[in-house]
Amino acid sequence: AGDVMRDLDPYVPFSQSLRRWVESFGRLN
């Protein structure tokens, strides 16, 4: 999994996690 996580990392920065949670849970209603 190590290389895969490195490749995924730029697309899931922790700084955006709060926004992604708000948006995703909001769209799930």
PDB file of all heavy atoms in Angstrom:
ATOM      1  N   ALA A   1       0.794  -1.232   0.000  1.00  0.00           N
ATOM      2  CA  ALA A   1       0.000   0.000   0.000  1.00  0.00           C
ATOM      3  C   ALA A   1       0.823   1.276   0.000  1.00  0.00           C
ATOM      4  O   ALA A   1       0.283   2.347  -0.266  1.00  0.00           O
ATOM      5  CB  ALA A   1      -0.936   0.014   1.207  1.00  0.00           C
ATOM      6  N   GLY A   2       2.117   1.190   0.300  1.00  0.00           N
ATOM      7  CA  GLY A   2       2.908   2.405   0.477  1.00  0.00           C
ATOM      8  C   GLY A   2       2.933   3.314  -0.733  1.00  0.00           C
ATOM      9  O   GLY A   2       2.660   4.516  -0.640  1.00  0.00           O
ATOM     10  N   ASP A   3       3.272   2.762  -1.900  1.00  0.00           N
ATOM     11  CA  ASP A   3       3.354   3.586  -3.112  1.00  0.00           C
ATOM     12  C   ASP A   3       1.991   4.152  -3.492  1.00  0.00           C
ATOM     13  O   ASP A   3       1.889   5.294  -3.953  1.00  0.00           O
ATOM     14  CB  ASP A   3       3.921   2.759  -4.270  1.00  0.00           C
ATOM     15  CG  ASP A   3       5.394   2.415  -4.071  1.00  0.00           C
ATOM     16  OD1 ASP A   3       6.048   3.120  -3.265  1.00  0.00           O
ATOM     17  OD2 ASP A   3       5.861   1.448  -4.682  1.00  0.00           O
ATOM     18  N   VAL A   4       0.941   3.353  -3.310  1.00  0.00           N
ATOM     19  CA  VAL A   4      -0.399   3.807  -3.654  1.00  0.00           C
ATOM     20  C   VAL A   4      -0.796   4.999  -2.795  1.00  0.00           C
ATOM     21  O   VAL A   4      -1.361   5.984  -3.285  1.00  0.00           O
ATOM     22  CB  VAL A   4      -1.415   2.653  -3.477  1.00  0.00           C
ATOM     23  CG1 VAL A   4      -2.832   3.171  -3.624  1.00  0.00           C
ATOM     24  CG2 VAL A   4      -1.146   1.560  -4.485  1.00  0.00           C
ATOM     25  N   MET A   5      -0.486   4.939  -1.507  1.00  0.00           N
ATOM     26  CA  MET A   5      -0.840   6.045  -0.623  1.00  0.00           C
ATOM     27  C   MET A   5      -0.071   7.306  -0.988  1.00  0.00           C
ATOM     28  O   MET A   5      -0.587   8.417  -0.881  1.00  0.00           O
ATOM     29  CB  MET A   5      -0.591   5.663   0.831  1.00  0.00           C
ATOM     30  CG  MET A   5      -1.507   4.579   1.364  1.00  0.00           C
ATOM     31  SD  MET A   5      -3.267   4.850   0.978  1.00  0.00           S
ATOM     32  CE  MET A   5      -3.570   6.391   1.853  1.00  0.00           C
ATOM     33  N   ARG A   6       1.164   7.146  -1.447  1.00  0.00           N
ATOM     34  CA  ARG A   6       1.944   8.318  -1.875  1.00  0.00           C
ATOM     35  C   ARG A   6       1.313   8.936  -3.126  1.00  0.00           C
ATOM     36  O   ARG A   6       1.261  10.162  -3.279  1.00  0.00           O
ATOM     37  CB  ARG A   6       3.399   7.928  -2.153  1.00  0.00           C
ATOM     38  CG  ARG A   6       4.146   7.407  -0.939  1.00  0.00           C
ATOM     39  CD  ARG A   6       5.601   7.111  -1.264  1.00  0.00           C
ATOM     40  NE  ARG A   6       6.370   8.343  -1.333  1.00  0.00           N
ATOM     41  CZ  ARG A   6       6.948   8.928  -0.283  1.00  0.00           C
ATOM     42  NH1 ARG A   6       6.817   8.396   0.920  1.00  0.00           N
ATOM     43  NH2 ARG A   6       7.640  10.030  -0.433  1.00  0.00           N
ATOM     44  N   ASP A   7       0.828   8.088  -4.040  1.00  0.00           N
ATOM     45  CA  ASP A   7       0.192   8.594  -5.262  1.00  0.00           C
ATOM     46  C   ASP A   7      -1.143   9.269  -4.962  1.00  0.00           C
ATOM     47  O   ASP A   7      -1.527  10.249  -5.605  1.00  0.00           O
ATOM     48  CB  ASP A   7      -0.033   7.442  -6.253  1.00  0.00           C
ATOM     49  CG  ASP A   7       1.274   6.883  -6.801  1.00  0.00           C
ATOM     50  OD1 ASP A   7       2.302   7.597  -6.714  1.00  0.00           O
ATOM     51  OD2 ASP A   7       1.270   5.738  -7.285  1.00  0.00           O
ATOM     52  N   LEU A   8      -1.870   8.740  -3.969  1.00  0.00           N
ATOM     53  CA  LEU A   8      -3.167   9.306  -3.618  1.00  0.00           C
ATOM     54  C   LEU A   8      -3.027  10.595  -2.815  1.00  0.00           C
ATOM     55  O   LEU A   8      -3.887  11.479  -2.891  1.00  0.00           O
ATOM     56  CB  LEU A   8      -3.970   8.279  -2.799  1.00  0.00           C
ATOM     57  CG  LEU A   8      -5.348   8.713  -2.297  1.00  0.00           C
ATOM     58  CD1 LEU A   8      -6.307   8.962  -3.465  1.00  0.00           C
ATOM     59  CD2 LEU A   8      -5.928   7.671  -1.336  1.00  0.00           C
ATOM     60  N   ASP A   9      -1.928  10.728  -2.088  1.00  0.00           N
ATOM     61  CA  ASP A   9      -1.777  11.792  -1.097  1.00  0.00           C
ATOM     62  C   ASP A   9      -2.083  13.203  -1.613  1.00  0.00           C
ATOM     63  O   ASP A   9      -2.756  13.971  -0.932  1.00  0.00           O
ATOM     64  CB  ASP A   9      -0.368  11.742  -0.494  1.00  0.00           C
ATOM     65  CG  ASP A   9      -0.296  12.423   0.854  1.00  0.00           C
ATOM     66  OD1 ASP A   9      -0.947  11.952   1.799  1.00  0.00           O
ATOM     67  OD2 ASP A   9       0.402  13.447   0.950  1.00  0.00           O
ATOM     68  N   PRO A  10      -1.603  13.596  -2.806  1.00  0.00           N
ATOM     69  CA  PRO A  10      -1.883  14.961  -3.264  1.00  0.00           C
ATOM     70  C   PRO A  10      -3.379  15.250  -3.459  1.00  0.00           C
ATOM     71  O   PRO A  10      -3.785  16.421  -3.488  1.00  0.00           O
ATOM     72  CB  PRO A  10      -1.143  15.044  -4.604  1.00  0.00           C
ATOM     73  CG  PRO A  10      -0.119  13.959  -4.568  1.00  0.00           C
ATOM     74  CD  PRO A  10      -0.734  12.870  -3.762  1.00  0.00           C
ATOM     75  N   TYR A  11      -4.174  14.193  -3.588  1.00  0.00           N
ATOM     76  CA  TYR A  11      -5.603  14.372  -3.859  1.00  0.00           C
ATOM     77  C   TYR A  11      -6.453  14.382  -2.583  1.00  0.00           C
ATOM     78  O   TYR A  11      -7.641  14.698  -2.650  1.00  0.00           O
ATOM     79  CB  TYR A  11      -6.093  13.260  -4.799  1.00  0.00           C
ATOM     80  CG  TYR A  11      -5.381  13.272  -6.135  1.00  0.00           C
ATOM     81  CD1 TYR A  11      -4.240  12.499  -6.346  1.00  0.00           C
ATOM     82  CD2 TYR A  11      -5.835  14.094  -7.161  1.00  0.00           C
ATOM     83  CE1 TYR A  11      -3.574  12.532  -7.562  1.00  0.00           C
ATOM     84  CE2 TYR A  11      -5.182  14.134  -8.386  1.00  0.00           C
ATOM     85  CZ  TYR A  11      -4.044  13.358  -8.572  1.00  0.00           C
ATOM     86  OH  TYR A  11      -3.371  13.407  -9.781  1.00  0.00           O
ATOM     87  N   VAL A  12      -5.852  14.028  -1.466  1.00  0.00           N
ATOM     88  CA  VAL A  12      -6.602  14.020  -0.205  1.00  0.00           C
ATOM     89  C   VAL A  12      -5.817  14.747   0.886  1.00  0.00           C
ATOM     90  O   VAL A  12      -5.509  14.182   1.937  1.00  0.00           O
ATOM     91  CB  VAL A  12      -6.944  12.573   0.251  1.00  0.00           C
ATOM     92  CG1 VAL A  12      -8.074  12.006  -0.574  1.00  0.00           C
ATOM     93  CG2 VAL A  12      -5.708  11.673   0.185  1.00  0.00           C
ATOM     94  N   PRO A  13      -5.478  16.020   0.663  1.00  0.00           N
ATOM     95  CA  PRO A  13      -4.766  16.768   1.707  1.00  0.00           C
ATOM     96  C   PRO A  13      -5.654  16.924   2.943  1.00  0.00           C
ATOM     97  O   PRO A  13      -6.861  17.141   2.824  1.00  0.00           O
ATOM     98  CB  PRO A  13      -4.494  18.117   1.045  1.00  0.00           C
ATOM     99  CG  PRO A  13      -5.579  18.264   0.022  1.00  0.00           C
ATOM    100  CD  PRO A  13      -5.822  16.866  -0.495  1.00  0.00           C
ATOM    101  N   PHE A  14      -5.038  16.827   4.099  1.00  0.00           N
ATOM    102  CA  PHE A  14      -5.843  16.922   5.314  1.00  0.00           C
ATOM    103  C   PHE A  14      -6.505  18.287   5.445  1.00  0.00           C
ATOM    104  O   PHE A  14      -7.587  18.401   6.024  1.00  0.00           O
ATOM    105  CB  PHE A  14      -4.995  16.636   6.558  1.00  0.00           C
ATOM    106  CG  PHE A  14      -5.811  16.650   7.815  1.00  0.00           C
ATOM    107  CD1 PHE A  14      -6.654  15.596   8.119  1.00  0.00           C
ATOM    108  CD2 PHE A  14      -5.785  17.739   8.670  1.00  0.00           C
ATOM    109  CE1 PHE A  14      -7.449  15.616   9.248  1.00  0.00           C
ATOM    110  CE2 PHE A  14      -6.568  17.767   9.805  1.00  0.00           C
ATOM    111  CZ  PHE A  14      -7.402  16.705  10.099  1.00  0.00           C
ATOM    112  N   SER A  15      -5.886  19.314   4.893  1.00  0.00           N
ATOM    113  CA  SER A  15      -6.461  20.656   4.998  1.00  0.00           C
ATOM    114  C   SER A  15      -7.873  20.717   4.430  1.00  0.00           C
ATOM    115  O   SER A  15      -8.695  21.530   4.857  1.00  0.00           O
ATOM    116  CB  SER A  15      -5.570  21.668   4.273  1.00  0.00           C
ATOM    117  OG  SER A  15      -5.487  21.354   2.893  1.00  0.00           O
ATOM    118  N   GLN A  16      -8.164  19.857   3.447  1.00  0.00           N
ATOM    119  CA  GLN A  16      -9.473  19.853   2.799  1.00  0.00           C
ATOM    120  C   GLN A  16     -10.472  18.905   3.464  1.00  0.00           C
ATOM    121  O   GLN A  16     -11.634  18.830   3.060  1.00  0.00           O
ATOM    122  CB  GLN A  16      -9.322  19.454   1.329  1.00  0.00           C
ATOM    123  CG  GLN A  16      -8.542  20.464   0.495  1.00  0.00           C
ATOM    124  CD  GLN A  16      -9.307  21.761   0.340  1.00  0.00           C
ATOM    125  OE1 GLN A  16     -10.487  21.757   0.010  1.00  0.00           O
ATOM    126  NE2 GLN A  16      -8.640  22.883   0.586  1.00  0.00           N
ATOM    127  N   SER A  17     -10.029  18.165   4.483  1.00  0.00           N
ATOM    128  CA  SER A  17     -10.878  17.111   5.039  1.00  0.00           C
ATOM    129  C   SER A  17     -12.149  17.662   5.674  1.00  0.00           C
ATOM    130  O   SER A  17     -13.223  17.073   5.546  1.00  0.00           O
ATOM    131  CB  SER A  17     -10.091  16.282   6.055  1.00  0.00           C
ATOM    132  OG  SER A  17      -9.658  17.095   7.134  1.00  0.00           O
ATOM    133  N   LEU A  18     -12.040  18.786   6.356  1.00  0.00           N
ATOM    134  CA  LEU A  18     -13.222  19.374   6.986  1.00  0.00           C
ATOM    135  C   LEU A  18     -14.254  19.766   5.937  1.00  0.00           C
ATOM    136  O   LEU A  18     -15.456  19.494   6.077  1.00  0.00           O
ATOM    137  CB  LEU A  18     -12.814  20.590   7.821  1.00  0.00           C
ATOM    138  CG  LEU A  18     -13.875  21.194   8.736  1.00  0.00           C
ATOM    139  CD1 LEU A  18     -14.265  20.220   9.841  1.00  0.00           C
ATOM    140  CD2 LEU A  18     -13.374  22.506   9.345  1.00  0.00           C
ATOM    141  N   ARG A  19     -13.799  20.389   4.862  1.00  0.00           N
ATOM    142  CA  ARG A  19     -14.710  20.797   3.786  1.00  0.00           C
ATOM    143  C   ARG A  19     -15.343  19.572   3.129  1.00  0.00           C
ATOM    144  O   ARG A  19     -16.541  19.564   2.811  1.00  0.00           O
ATOM    145  CB  ARG A  19     -13.941  21.627   2.742  1.00  0.00           C
ATOM    146  CG  ARG A  19     -14.838  22.326   1.741  1.00  0.00           C
ATOM    147  CD  ARG A  19     -14.031  23.169   0.762  1.00  0.00           C
ATOM    148  NE  ARG A  19     -13.282  24.244   1.403  1.00  0.00           N
ATOM    149  CZ  ARG A  19     -13.793  25.445   1.683  1.00  0.00           C
ATOM    150  NH1 ARG A  19     -15.066  25.705   1.413  1.00  0.00           N
ATOM    151  NH2 ARG A  19     -13.042  26.372   2.248  1.00  0.00           N
ATOM    152  N   ARG A  20     -14.554  18.530   2.911  1.00  0.00           N
ATOM    153  CA  ARG A  20     -15.092  17.319   2.274  1.00  0.00           C
ATOM    154  C   ARG A  20     -16.150  16.661   3.162  1.00  0.00           C
ATOM    155  O   ARG A  20     -17.158  16.144   2.668  1.00  0.00           O
ATOM    156  CB  ARG A  20     -13.962  16.321   1.987  1.00  0.00           C
ATOM    157  CG  ARG A  20     -12.861  16.851   1.085  1.00  0.00           C
ATOM    158  CD  ARG A  20     -13.386  17.255  -0.282  1.00  0.00           C
ATOM    159  NE  ARG A  20     -12.344  17.811  -1.116  1.00  0.00           N
ATOM    160  CZ  ARG A  20     -12.356  19.022  -1.657  1.00  0.00           C
ATOM    161  NH1 ARG A  20     -13.395  19.825  -1.440  1.00  0.00           N
ATOM    162  NH2 ARG A  20     -11.368  19.447  -2.423  1.00  0.00           N
ATOM    163  N   TRP A  21     -15.913  16.690   4.474  1.00  0.00           N
ATOM    164  CA  TRP A  21     -16.897  16.127   5.402  1.00  0.00           C
ATOM    165  C   TRP A  21     -18.196  16.937   5.356  1.00  0.00           C
ATOM    166  O   TRP A  21     -19.293  16.370   5.253  1.00  0.00           O
ATOM    167  CB  TRP A  21     -16.308  16.110   6.818  1.00  0.00           C
ATOM    168  CG  TRP A  21     -17.301  15.827   7.894  1.00  0.00           C
ATOM    169  CD1 TRP A  21     -18.033  14.689   8.061  1.00  0.00           C
ATOM    170  CD2 TRP A  21     -17.690  16.711   8.960  1.00  0.00           C
ATOM    171  NE1 TRP A  21     -18.849  14.806   9.171  1.00  0.00           N
ATOM    172  CE2 TRP A  21     -18.652  16.036   9.738  1.00  0.00           C
ATOM    173  CE3 TRP A  21     -17.299  17.992   9.336  1.00  0.00           C
ATOM    174  CZ2 TRP A  21     -19.239  16.610  10.864  1.00  0.00           C
ATOM    175  CZ3 TRP A  21     -17.877  18.563  10.467  1.00  0.00           C
ATOM    176  CH2 TRP A  21     -18.837  17.873  11.206  1.00  0.00           C
ATOM    177  N   VAL A  22     -18.091  18.249   5.429  1.00  0.00           N
ATOM    178  CA  VAL A  22     -19.273  19.111   5.398  1.00  0.00           C
ATOM    179  C   VAL A  22     -20.060  18.896   4.106  1.00  0.00           C
ATOM    180  O   VAL A  22     -21.293  18.751   4.117  1.00  0.00           O
ATOM    181  CB  VAL A  22     -18.866  20.592   5.549  1.00  0.00           C
ATOM    182  CG1 VAL A  22     -20.039  21.521   5.225  1.00  0.00           C
ATOM    183  CG2 VAL A  22     -18.358  20.869   6.967  1.00  0.00           C
ATOM    184  N   GLU A  23     -19.344  18.849   2.976  1.00  0.00           N
ATOM    185  CA  GLU A  23     -20.016  18.714   1.679  1.00  0.00           C
ATOM    186  C   GLU A  23     -20.625  17.323   1.512  1.00  0.00           C
ATOM    187  O   GLU A  23     -21.777  17.180   1.077  1.00  0.00           O
ATOM    188  CB  GLU A  23     -19.023  18.986   0.558  1.00  0.00           C
ATOM    189  CG  GLU A  23     -18.556  20.442   0.495  1.00  0.00           C
ATOM    190  CD  GLU A  23     -17.474  20.660  -0.544  1.00  0.00           C
ATOM    191  OE1 GLU A  23     -16.902  19.658  -1.037  1.00  0.00           O
ATOM    192  OE2 GLU A  23     -17.191  21.831  -0.865  1.00  0.00           O
ATOM    193  N   SER A  24     -19.862  16.298   1.844  1.00  0.00           N
ATOM    194  CA  SER A  24     -20.325  14.928   1.620  1.00  0.00           C
ATOM    195  C   SER A  24     -21.495  14.578   2.531  1.00  0.00           C
ATOM    196  O   SER A  24     -22.518  14.043   2.078  1.00  0.00           O
ATOM    197  CB  SER A  24     -19.163  13.954   1.848  1.00  0.00           C
ATOM    198  OG  SER A  24     -19.521  12.649   1.463  1.00  0.00           O
ATOM    199  N   PHE A  25     -21.386  14.900   3.822  1.00  0.00           N
ATOM    200  CA  PHE A  25     -22.493  14.624   4.729  1.00  0.00           C
ATOM    201  C   PHE A  25     -23.702  15.498   4.387  1.00  0.00           C
ATOM    202  O   PHE A  25     -24.850  15.061   4.504  1.00  0.00           O
ATOM    203  CB  PHE A  25     -22.064  14.856   6.182  1.00  0.00           C
ATOM    204  CG  PHE A  25     -21.400  13.668   6.831  1.00  0.00           C
ATOM    205  CD1 PHE A  25     -20.430  12.932   6.150  1.00  0.00           C
ATOM    206  CD2 PHE A  25     -21.730  13.284   8.111  1.00  0.00           C
ATOM    207  CE1 PHE A  25     -19.811  11.844   6.739  1.00  0.00           C
ATOM    208  CE2 PHE A  25     -21.120  12.196   8.718  1.00  0.00           C
ATOM    209  CZ  PHE A  25     -20.158  11.469   8.029  1.00  0.00           C
ATOM    210  N   GLY A  26     -23.446  16.732   3.955  1.00  0.00           N
ATOM    211  CA  GLY A  26     -24.545  17.607   3.556  1.00  0.00           C
ATOM    212  C   GLY A  26     -25.312  17.050   2.374  1.00  0.00           C
ATOM    213  O   GLY A  26     -26.549  17.099   2.331  1.00  0.00           O
ATOM    214  N   ARG A  27     -24.605  16.510   1.389  1.00  0.00           N
ATOM    215  CA  ARG A  27     -25.278  15.952   0.206  1.00  0.00           C
ATOM    216  C   ARG A  27     -25.970  14.629   0.521  1.00  0.00           C
ATOM    217  O   ARG A  27     -26.914  14.253  -0.184  1.00  0.00           O
ATOM    218  CB  ARG A  27     -24.276  15.787  -0.935  1.00  0.00           C
ATOM    219  CG  ARG A  27     -23.800  17.127  -1.484  1.00  0.00           C
ATOM    220  CD  ARG A  27     -22.979  16.982  -2.762  1.00  0.00           C
ATOM    221  NE  ARG A  27     -22.648  18.296  -3.278  1.00  0.00           N
ATOM    222  CZ  ARG A  27     -21.423  18.815  -3.326  1.00  0.00           C
ATOM    223  NH1 ARG A  27     -20.387  18.101  -2.868  1.00  0.00           N
ATOM    224  NH2 ARG A  27     -21.209  20.019  -3.808  1.00  0.00           N
ATOM    225  N   LEU A  28     -25.501  13.925   1.555  1.00  0.00           N
ATOM    226  CA  LEU A  28     -26.226  12.734   2.011  1.00  0.00           C
ATOM    227  C   LEU A  28     -27.477  13.110   2.796  1.00  0.00           C
ATOM    228  O   LEU A  28     -28.262  12.247   3.176  1.00  0.00           O
ATOM    229  CB  LEU A  28     -25.317  11.874   2.898  1.00  0.00           C
ATOM    230  CG  LEU A  28     -24.195  11.111   2.203  1.00  0.00           C
ATOM    231  CD1 LEU A  28     -23.222  10.555   3.236  1.00  0.00           C
ATOM    232  CD2 LEU A  28     -24.737   9.996   1.334  1.00  0.00           C
ATOM    233  N   ASN A  29     -27.634  14.421   3.066  1.00  0.00           N
ATOM    234  CA  ASN A  29     -28.798  14.928   3.801  1.00  0.00           C
ATOM    235  C   ASN A  29     -28.785  14.445   5.253  1.00  0.00           C
ATOM    236  O   ASN A  29     -29.823  14.140   5.833  1.00  0.00           O
ATOM    237  CB  ASN A  29     -30.093  14.506   3.108  1.00  0.00           C
ATOM    238  CG  ASN A  29     -31.217  15.496   3.335  1.00  0.00           C
ATOM    239  OD1 ASN A  29     -31.015  16.569   3.890  1.00  0.00           O
ATOM    240  ND2 ASN A  29     -32.413  15.129   2.927  1.00  0.00           N
TER     241      ASN A  29
END
